[in-house]
PDB file of N, CA and C in Angstrom:
ATOM      1  N   UNK A   1    -166.620  92.689  22.762  1.00  0.00           N
ATOM      2  CA  UNK A   1    -165.314  92.086  22.768  1.00  0.00           C
ATOM      3  C   UNK A   1    -164.746  92.183  21.354  1.00  0.00           C
ATOM      4  N   UNK A   2    -163.513  92.616  21.279  1.00  0.00           N
ATOM      5  CA  UNK A   2    -162.814  92.731  20.001  1.00  0.00           C
ATOM      6  C   UNK A   2    -161.809  91.594  19.870  1.00  0.00           C
ATOM      7  N   UNK A   3    -161.635  91.123  18.653  1.00  0.00           N
ATOM      8  CA  UNK A   3    -160.581  90.139  18.398  1.00  0.00           C
ATOM      9  C   UNK A   3    -159.784  90.602  17.192  1.00  0.00           C
ATOM     10  N   UNK A   4    -158.512  90.288  17.210  1.00  0.00           N
ATOM     11  CA  UNK A   4    -157.639  90.651  16.100  1.00  0.00           C
ATOM     12  C   UNK A   4    -156.444  89.714  16.077  1.00  0.00           C
ATOM     13  N   UNK A   5    -155.677  89.840  15.028  1.00  0.00           N
ATOM     14  CA  UNK A   5    -154.416  89.103  14.936  1.00  0.00           C
ATOM     15  C   UNK A   5    -153.294  90.019  15.400  1.00  0.00           C
ATOM     16  N   UNK A   6    -152.174  89.446  15.680  1.00  0.00           N
ATOM     17  CA  UNK A   6    -151.029  90.244  16.110  1.00  0.00           C
ATOM     18  C   UNK A   6    -150.600  91.200  14.989  1.00  0.00           C
ATOM     19  N   UNK A   7    -150.700  90.765  13.743  1.00  0.00           N
ATOM     20  CA  UNK A   7    -150.320  91.625  12.610  1.00  0.00           C
ATOM     21  C   UNK A   7    -151.228  92.846  12.512  1.00  0.00           C
ATOM     22  N   UNK A   8    -152.547  92.624  12.587  1.00  0.00           N
ATOM     23  CA  UNK A   8    -153.481  93.757  12.530  1.00  0.00           C
ATOM     24  C   UNK A   8    -153.331  94.662  13.748  1.00  0.00           C
ATOM     25  N   UNK A   9    -153.059  94.073  14.893  1.00  0.00           N
ATOM     26  CA  UNK A   9    -152.859  94.858  16.103  1.00  0.00           C
ATOM     27  C   UNK A   9    -151.670  95.805  15.936  1.00  0.00           C
ATOM     28  N   UNK A  10    -150.597  95.292  15.402  1.00  0.00           N
ATOM     29  CA  UNK A  10    -149.398  96.118  15.188  1.00  0.00           C
ATOM     30  C   UNK A  10    -149.680  97.305  14.277  1.00  0.00           C
ATOM     31  N   UNK A  11    -150.537  97.082  13.277  1.00  0.00           N
ATOM     32  CA  UNK A  11    -150.837  98.129  12.299  1.00  0.00           C
ATOM     33  C   UNK A  11    -151.611  99.289  12.905  1.00  0.00           C
ATOM     34  N   UNK A  12    -152.406  99.012  13.949  1.00  0.00           N
ATOM     35  CA  UNK A  12    -153.292 100.050  14.479  1.00  0.00           C
ATOM     36  C   UNK A  12    -153.390  99.995  16.005  1.00  0.00           C
ATOM     37  N   UNK A  13    -152.259  99.935  16.664  1.00  0.00           N
ATOM     38  CA  UNK A  13    -152.211  99.806  18.118  1.00  0.00           C
ATOM     39  C   UNK A  13    -153.013 100.907  18.808  1.00  0.00           C
ATOM     40  N   UNK A  14    -152.828 102.139  18.407  1.00  0.00           N
ATOM     41  CA  UNK A  14    -153.500 103.259  19.072  1.00  0.00           C
ATOM     42  C   UNK A  14    -155.016 103.113  19.028  1.00  0.00           C
ATOM     43  N   UNK A  15    -155.543 102.755  17.878  1.00  0.00           N
ATOM     44  CA  UNK A  15    -156.991 102.593  17.743  1.00  0.00           C
ATOM     45  C   UNK A  15    -157.516 101.488  18.669  1.00  0.00           C
ATOM     46  N   UNK A  16    -156.797 100.386  18.731  1.00  0.00           N
ATOM     47  CA  UNK A  16    -157.208  99.289  19.615  1.00  0.00           C
ATOM     48  C   UNK A  16    -157.142  99.727  21.083  1.00  0.00           C
ATOM     49  N   UNK A  17    -156.081 100.386  21.470  1.00  0.00           N
ATOM     50  CA  UNK A  17    -155.965 100.859  22.849  1.00  0.00           C
ATOM     51  C   UNK A  17    -157.058 101.865  23.181  1.00  0.00           C
ATOM     52  N   UNK A  18    -157.376 102.752  22.233  1.00  0.00           N
ATOM     53  CA  UNK A  18    -158.460 103.717  22.457  1.00  0.00           C
ATOM     54  C   UNK A  18    -159.792 103.000  22.686  1.00  0.00           C
ATOM     55  N   UNK A  19    -160.076 101.979  21.892  1.00  0.00           N
ATOM     56  CA  UNK A  19    -161.322 101.220  22.067  1.00  0.00           C
ATOM     57  C   UNK A  19    -161.379 100.541  23.428  1.00  0.00           C
ATOM     58  N   UNK A  20    -160.252  99.996  23.849  1.00  0.00           N
ATOM     59  CA  UNK A  20    -160.198  99.300  25.141  1.00  0.00           C
ATOM     60  C   UNK A  20    -160.425 100.280  26.287  1.00  0.00           C
ATOM     61  N   UNK A  21    -159.758 101.415  26.242  1.00  0.00           N
ATOM     62  CA  UNK A  21    -159.843 102.347  27.370  1.00  0.00           C
ATOM     63  C   UNK A  21    -161.078 103.227  27.341  1.00  0.00           C
ATOM     64  N   UNK A  22    -161.519 103.649  26.172  1.00  0.00           N
ATOM     65  CA  UNK A  22    -162.649 104.576  26.091  1.00  0.00           C
ATOM     66  C   UNK A  22    -164.000 103.867  26.061  1.00  0.00           C
ATOM     67  N   UNK A  23    -164.044 102.661  25.509  1.00  0.00           N
ATOM     68  CA  UNK A  23    -165.315 101.945  25.348  1.00  0.00           C
ATOM     69  C   UNK A  23    -165.421 100.717  26.248  1.00  0.00           C
ATOM     70  N   UNK A  24    -164.469 100.559  27.141  1.00  0.00           N
ATOM     71  CA  UNK A  24    -164.435  99.414  28.061  1.00  0.00           C
ATOM     72  C   UNK A  24    -164.524  98.088  27.305  1.00  0.00           C
ATOM     73  N   UNK A  25    -163.847  98.035  26.169  1.00  0.00           N
ATOM     74  CA  UNK A  25    -163.810  96.815  25.368  1.00  0.00           C
ATOM     75  C   UNK A  25    -162.746  95.870  25.918  1.00  0.00           C
ATOM     76  N   UNK A  26    -162.939  94.594  25.674  1.00  0.00           N
ATOM     77  CA  UNK A  26    -161.918  93.591  25.930  1.00  0.00           C
ATOM     78  C   UNK A  26    -161.342  93.215  24.571  1.00  0.00           C
ATOM     79  N   UNK A  27    -160.035  93.187  24.470  1.00  0.00           N
ATOM     80  CA  UNK A  27    -159.375  92.876  23.208  1.00  0.00           C
ATOM     81  C   UNK A  27    -158.648  91.547  23.328  1.00  0.00           C
ATOM     82  N   UNK A  28    -158.930  90.648  22.407  1.00  0.00           N
ATOM     83  CA  UNK A  28    -158.232  89.369  22.354  1.00  0.00           C
ATOM     84  C   UNK A  28    -157.361  89.375  21.108  1.00  0.00           C
ATOM     85  N   UNK A  29    -156.079  89.169  21.311  1.00  0.00           N
ATOM     86  CA  UNK A  29    -155.130  89.112  20.198  1.00  0.00           C
ATOM     87  C   UNK A  29    -154.745  87.655  19.998  1.00  0.00           C
ATOM     88  N   UNK A  30    -155.152  87.109  18.862  1.00  0.00           N
ATOM     89  CA  UNK A  30    -154.831  85.719  18.538  1.00  0.00           C
ATOM     90  C   UNK A  30    -153.407  85.639  18.012  1.00  0.00           C
ATOM     91  N   UNK A  31    -152.653  84.692  18.584  1.00  0.00           N
ATOM     92  CA  UNK A  31    -151.242  84.549  18.196  1.00  0.00           C
ATOM     93  C   UNK A  31    -150.945  83.147  17.691  1.00  0.00           C
ATOM     94  N   UNK A  32    -151.957  82.442  17.253  1.00  0.00           N
ATOM     95  CA  UNK A  32    -151.749  81.080  16.776  1.00  0.00           C
ATOM     96  C   UNK A  32    -152.628  80.124  17.551  1.00  0.00           C
ATOM     97  N   UNK A  33    -152.376  78.844  17.371  1.00  0.00           N
ATOM     98  CA  UNK A  33    -153.180  77.819  18.017  1.00  0.00           C
ATOM     99  C   UNK A  33    -153.109  77.937  19.541  1.00  0.00           C
ATOM    100  N   UNK A  34    -154.269  78.136  20.156  1.00  0.00           N
ATOM    101  CA  UNK A  34    -154.393  78.177  21.624  1.00  0.00           C
ATOM    102  C   UNK A  34    -153.387  79.122  22.277  1.00  0.00           C
ATOM    103  N   UNK A  35    -153.043  80.173  21.587  1.00  0.00           N
ATOM    104  CA  UNK A  35    -152.060  81.109  22.110  1.00  0.00           C
ATOM    105  C   UNK A  35    -152.579  82.522  21.867  1.00  0.00           C
ATOM    106  N   UNK A  36    -153.235  83.090  22.871  1.00  0.00           N
ATOM    107  CA  UNK A  36    -153.834  84.415  22.713  1.00  0.00           C
ATOM    108  C   UNK A  36    -153.508  85.281  23.924  1.00  0.00           C
ATOM    109  N   UNK A  37    -153.696  86.569  23.739  1.00  0.00           N
ATOM    110  CA  UNK A  37    -153.470  87.548  24.800  1.00  0.00           C
ATOM    111  C   UNK A  37    -154.735  88.368  24.938  1.00  0.00           C
ATOM    112  N   UNK A  38    -155.098  88.695  26.193  1.00  0.00           N
ATOM    113  CA  UNK A  38    -156.263  89.526  26.460  1.00  0.00           C
ATOM    114  C   UNK A  38    -155.785  90.871  26.987  1.00  0.00           C
ATOM    115  N   UNK A  39    -156.332  91.950  26.441  1.00  0.00           N
ATOM    116  CA  UNK A  39    -156.010  93.296  26.903  1.00  0.00           C
ATOM    117  C   UNK A  39    -157.291  93.930  27.424  1.00  0.00           C
ATOM    118  N   UNK A  40    -157.220  94.438  28.659  1.00  0.00           N
ATOM    119  CA  UNK A  40    -158.337  95.164  29.262  1.00  0.00           C
ATOM    120  C   UNK A  40    -157.797  96.478  29.826  1.00  0.00           C
ATOM    121  N   UNK A  41    -158.698  97.405  30.096  1.00  0.00           N
ATOM    122  CA  UNK A  41    -158.268  98.689  30.656  1.00  0.00           C
ATOM    123  C   UNK A  41    -157.846  98.512  32.117  1.00  0.00           C
ATOM    124  N   UNK A  42    -157.097  99.464  32.613  1.00  0.00           N
ATOM    125  CA  UNK A  42    -156.675  99.437  34.010  1.00  0.00           C
ATOM    126  C   UNK A  42    -157.885  99.500  34.935  1.00  0.00           C
ATOM    127  N   UNK A  43    -158.885 100.301  34.588  1.00  0.00           N
ATOM    128  CA  UNK A  43    -160.104 100.374  35.410  1.00  0.00           C
ATOM    129  C   UNK A  43    -160.789  99.014  35.505  1.00  0.00           C
ATOM    130  N   UNK A  44    -160.880  98.314  34.373  1.00  0.00           N
ATOM    131  CA  UNK A  44    -161.500  96.988  34.362  1.00  0.00           C
ATOM    132  C   UNK A  44    -160.677  96.007  35.191  1.00  0.00           C
ATOM    133  N   UNK A  45    -159.376  96.068  35.058  1.00  0.00           N
ATOM    134  CA  UNK A  45    -158.487  95.194  35.834  1.00  0.00           C
ATOM    135  C   UNK A  45    -158.655  95.438  37.330  1.00  0.00           C
ATOM    136  N   UNK A  46    -158.667  96.716  37.719  1.00  0.00           N
ATOM    137  CA  UNK A  46    -158.842  97.050  39.136  1.00  0.00           C
ATOM    138  C   UNK A  46    -160.188  96.569  39.660  1.00  0.00           C
ATOM    139  N   UNK A  47    -161.214  96.679  38.848  1.00  0.00           N
ATOM    140  CA  UNK A  47    -162.539  96.202  39.235  1.00  0.00           C
ATOM    141  C   UNK A  47    -162.529  94.688  39.448  1.00  0.00           C
ATOM    142  N   UNK A  48    -161.885  93.961  38.546  1.00  0.00           N
ATOM    143  CA  UNK A  48    -161.779  92.509  38.697  1.00  0.00           C
ATOM    144  C   UNK A  48    -161.008  92.128  39.960  1.00  0.00           C
ATOM    145  N   UNK A  49    -159.944  92.858  40.247  1.00  0.00           N
ATOM    146  CA  UNK A  49    -159.159  92.586  41.460  1.00  0.00           C
ATOM    147  C   UNK A  49    -159.981  92.857  42.713  1.00  0.00           C
ATOM    148  N   UNK A  50    -160.759  93.944  42.712  1.00  0.00           N
ATOM    149  CA  UNK A  50    -161.600  94.264  43.865  1.00  0.00           C
ATOM    150  C   UNK A  50    -162.657  93.185  44.068  1.00  0.00           C
ATOM    151  N   UNK A  51    -163.261  92.729  42.972  1.00  0.00           N
ATOM    152  CA  UNK A  51    -164.267  91.662  43.068  1.00  0.00           C
ATOM    153  C   UNK A  51    -163.636  90.384  43.597  1.00  0.00           C
ATOM    154  N   UNK A  52    -162.466  90.056  43.093  1.00  0.00           N
ATOM    155  CA  UNK A  52    -161.773  88.856  43.575  1.00  0.00           C
ATOM    156  C   UNK A  52    -161.498  88.960  45.071  1.00  0.00           C
ATOM    157  N   UNK A  53    -161.074  90.143  45.517  1.00  0.00           N
ATOM    158  CA  UNK A  53    -160.799  90.340  46.939  1.00  0.00           C
ATOM    159  C   UNK A  53    -162.073  90.179  47.762  1.00  0.00           C
ATOM    160  N   UNK A  54    -163.156  90.785  47.303  1.00  0.00           N
ATOM    161  CA  UNK A  54    -164.423  90.705  48.044  1.00  0.00           C
ATOM    162  C   UNK A  54    -164.929  89.274  48.143  1.00  0.00           C
ATOM    163  N   UNK A  55    -164.674  88.473  47.110  1.00  0.00           N
ATOM    164  CA  UNK A  55    -165.164  87.093  47.109  1.00  0.00           C
ATOM    165  C   UNK A  55    -164.140  86.094  47.637  1.00  0.00           C
ATOM    166  N   UNK A  56    -162.981  86.586  48.078  1.00  0.00           N
ATOM    167  CA  UNK A  56    -161.929  85.679  48.540  1.00  0.00           C
ATOM    168  C   UNK A  56    -162.220  85.097  49.918  1.00  0.00           C
ATOM    169  N   UNK A  57    -163.108  85.708  50.654  1.00  0.00           N
ATOM    170  CA  UNK A  57    -163.476  85.228  51.986  1.00  0.00           C
ATOM    171  C   UNK A  57    -164.914  84.705  51.940  1.00  0.00           C
ATOM    172  N   UNK A  58    -165.134  83.542  52.518  1.00  0.00           N
ATOM    173  CA  UNK A  58    -166.495  82.973  52.564  1.00  0.00           C
ATOM    174  C   UNK A  58    -167.449  83.916  53.276  1.00  0.00           C
ATOM    175  N   UNK A  59    -166.984  84.566  54.335  1.00  0.00           N
ATOM    176  CA  UNK A  59    -167.830  85.490  55.088  1.00  0.00           C
ATOM    177  C   UNK A  59    -168.265  86.655  54.206  1.00  0.00           C
ATOM    178  N   UNK A  60    -167.317  87.250  53.483  1.00  0.00           N
ATOM    179  CA  UNK A  60    -167.658  88.356  52.574  1.00  0.00           C
ATOM    180  C   UNK A  60    -168.625  87.889  51.492  1.00  0.00           C
ATOM    181  N   UNK A  61    -168.361  86.727  50.943  1.00  0.00           N
ATOM    182  CA  UNK A  61    -169.224  86.197  49.884  1.00  0.00           C
ATOM    183  C   UNK A  61    -170.652  86.002  50.392  1.00  0.00           C
ATOM    184  N   UNK A  62    -170.793  85.477  51.601  1.00  0.00           N
ATOM    185  CA  UNK A  62    -172.122  85.267  52.169  1.00  0.00           C
ATOM    186  C   UNK A  62    -172.824  86.597  52.436  1.00  0.00           C
ATOM    187  N   UNK A  63    -172.094  87.590  52.917  1.00  0.00           N
ATOM    188  CA  UNK A  63    -172.684  88.913  53.155  1.00  0.00           C
ATOM    189  C   UNK A  63    -173.180  89.536  51.860  1.00  0.00           C
ATOM    190  N   UNK A  64    -172.362  89.453  50.822  1.00  0.00           N
ATOM    191  CA  UNK A  64    -172.758  89.999  49.528  1.00  0.00           C
ATOM    192  C   UNK A  64    -173.972  89.273  48.958  1.00  0.00           C
ATOM    193  N   UNK A  65    -173.972  87.949  49.041  1.00  0.00           N
ATOM    194  CA  UNK A  65    -175.119  87.172  48.564  1.00  0.00           C
ATOM    195  C   UNK A  65    -176.384  87.536  49.327  1.00  0.00           C
ATOM    196  N   UNK A  66    -176.256  87.715  50.641  1.00  0.00           N
ATOM    197  CA  UNK A  66    -177.406  88.089  51.470  1.00  0.00           C
ATOM    198  C   UNK A  66    -177.931  89.470  51.081  1.00  0.00           C
ATOM    199  N   UNK A  67    -177.028  90.415  50.854  1.00  0.00           N
ATOM    200  CA  UNK A  67    -177.430  91.768  50.472  1.00  0.00           C
ATOM    201  C   UNK A  67    -178.129  91.767  49.117  1.00  0.00           C
ATOM    202  N   UNK A  68    -177.592  91.018  48.174  1.00  0.00           N
ATOM    203  CA  UNK A  68    -178.212  90.932  46.844  1.00  0.00           C
ATOM    204  C   UNK A  68    -179.585  90.307  46.939  1.00  0.00           C
ATOM    205  N   UNK A  69    -179.703  89.267  47.744  1.00  0.00           N
ATOM    206  CA  UNK A  69    -180.997  88.599  47.927  1.00  0.00           C
ATOM    207  C   UNK A  69    -182.034  89.558  48.512  1.00  0.00           C
ATOM    208  N   UNK A  70    -181.632  90.330  49.524  1.00  0.00           N
ATOM    209  CA  UNK A  70    -182.551  91.299  50.132  1.00  0.00           C
ATOM    210  C   UNK A  70    -182.990  92.356  49.115  1.00  0.00           C
ATOM    211  N   UNK A  71    -182.053  92.839  48.309  1.00  0.00           N
ATOM    212  CA  UNK A  71    -182.400  93.842  47.301  1.00  0.00           C
ATOM    213  C   UNK A  71    -183.351  93.266  46.259  1.00  0.00           C
ATOM    214  N   UNK A  72    -183.119  92.033  45.858  1.00  0.00           N
ATOM    215  CA  UNK A  72    -183.991  91.396  44.872  1.00  0.00           C
ATOM    216  C   UNK A  72    -185.406  91.177  45.406  1.00  0.00           C
ATOM    217  N   UNK A  73    -185.522  91.035  46.718  1.00  0.00           N
ATOM    218  CA  UNK A  73    -186.838  90.847  47.358  1.00  0.00           C
ATOM    219  C   UNK A  73    -187.436  92.181  47.795  1.00  0.00           C
ATOM    220  N   UNK A  74    -186.795  93.280  47.403  1.00  0.00           N
ATOM    221  CA  UNK A  74    -187.228  94.632  47.770  1.00  0.00           C
ATOM    222  C   UNK A  74    -187.272  94.815  49.286  1.00  0.00           C
ATOM    223  N   UNK A  75    -186.306  94.213  49.962  1.00  0.00           N
ATOM    224  CA  UNK A  75    -186.195  94.337  51.413  1.00  0.00           C
ATOM    225  C   UNK A  75    -185.046  95.263  51.802  1.00  0.00           C
ATOM    226  N   UNK A  76    -184.560  96.029  50.857  1.00  0.00           N
ATOM    227  CA  UNK A  76    -183.462  96.949  51.140  1.00  0.00           C
ATOM    228  C   UNK A  76    -183.929  98.116  51.979  1.00  0.00           C
ATOM    229  N   UNK A  77    -182.994  98.783  52.596  1.00  0.00           N
ATOM    230  CA  UNK A  77    -183.291  99.928  53.451  1.00  0.00           C
ATOM    231  C   UNK A  77    -182.686 101.176  52.817  1.00  0.00           C
ATOM    232  N   UNK A  78    -183.491 102.221  52.699  1.00  0.00           N
ATOM    233  CA  UNK A  78    -183.014 103.490  52.170  1.00  0.00           C
ATOM    234  C   UNK A  78    -182.677 104.403  53.341  1.00  0.00           C
ATOM    235  N   UNK A  79    -181.507 105.003  53.280  1.00  0.00           N
ATOM    236  CA  UNK A  79    -181.084 105.904  54.347  1.00  0.00           C
ATOM    237  C   UNK A  79    -180.641 107.224  53.736  1.00  0.00           C
ATOM    238  N   UNK A  80    -180.846 108.292  54.485  1.00  0.00           N
ATOM    239  CA  UNK A  80    -180.395 109.596  54.031  1.00  0.00           C
ATOM    240  C   UNK A  80    -178.908 109.721  54.319  1.00  0.00           C
ATOM    241  N   UNK A  81    -178.231 110.416  53.437  1.00  0.00           N
ATOM    242  CA  UNK A  81    -176.815 110.682  53.610  1.00  0.00           C
ATOM    243  C   UNK A  81    -176.628 111.743  54.684  1.00  0.00           C
ATOM    244  N   UNK A  82    -175.731 111.478  55.610  1.00  0.00           N
ATOM    245  CA  UNK A  82    -175.451 112.432  56.676  1.00  0.00           C
ATOM    246  C   UNK A  82    -174.402 113.410  56.174  1.00  0.00           C
ATOM    247  N   UNK A  83    -174.760 114.678  56.120  1.00  0.00           N
ATOM    248  CA  UNK A  83    -173.833 115.700  55.655  1.00  0.00           C
ATOM    249  C   UNK A  83    -173.481 116.588  56.850  1.00  0.00           C
ATOM    250  N   UNK A  84    -172.205 116.686  57.118  1.00  0.00           N
ATOM    251  CA  UNK A  84    -171.774 117.496  58.267  1.00  0.00           C
ATOM    252  C   UNK A  84    -171.117 118.752  57.808  1.00  0.00           C
TER     253      UNK A  84
END
């Protein structure tokens, strides 16, 4: 996670954006007392939205928890990919 001030951000915007997009960094720009902005890449944002969607339903959340539990107990099933 990177942090900077708005002044430093202005001086080197491209470098900060490159770090966010190429290194999957999260950038926090401090703008004063309790006033900050977070910048993340579009890929990271889309991933967060997908996770939020998957966990928005109790049924989905329970299915995911069950699948994770089975994998942690080595009860997962391996299947071959069907190629047509």
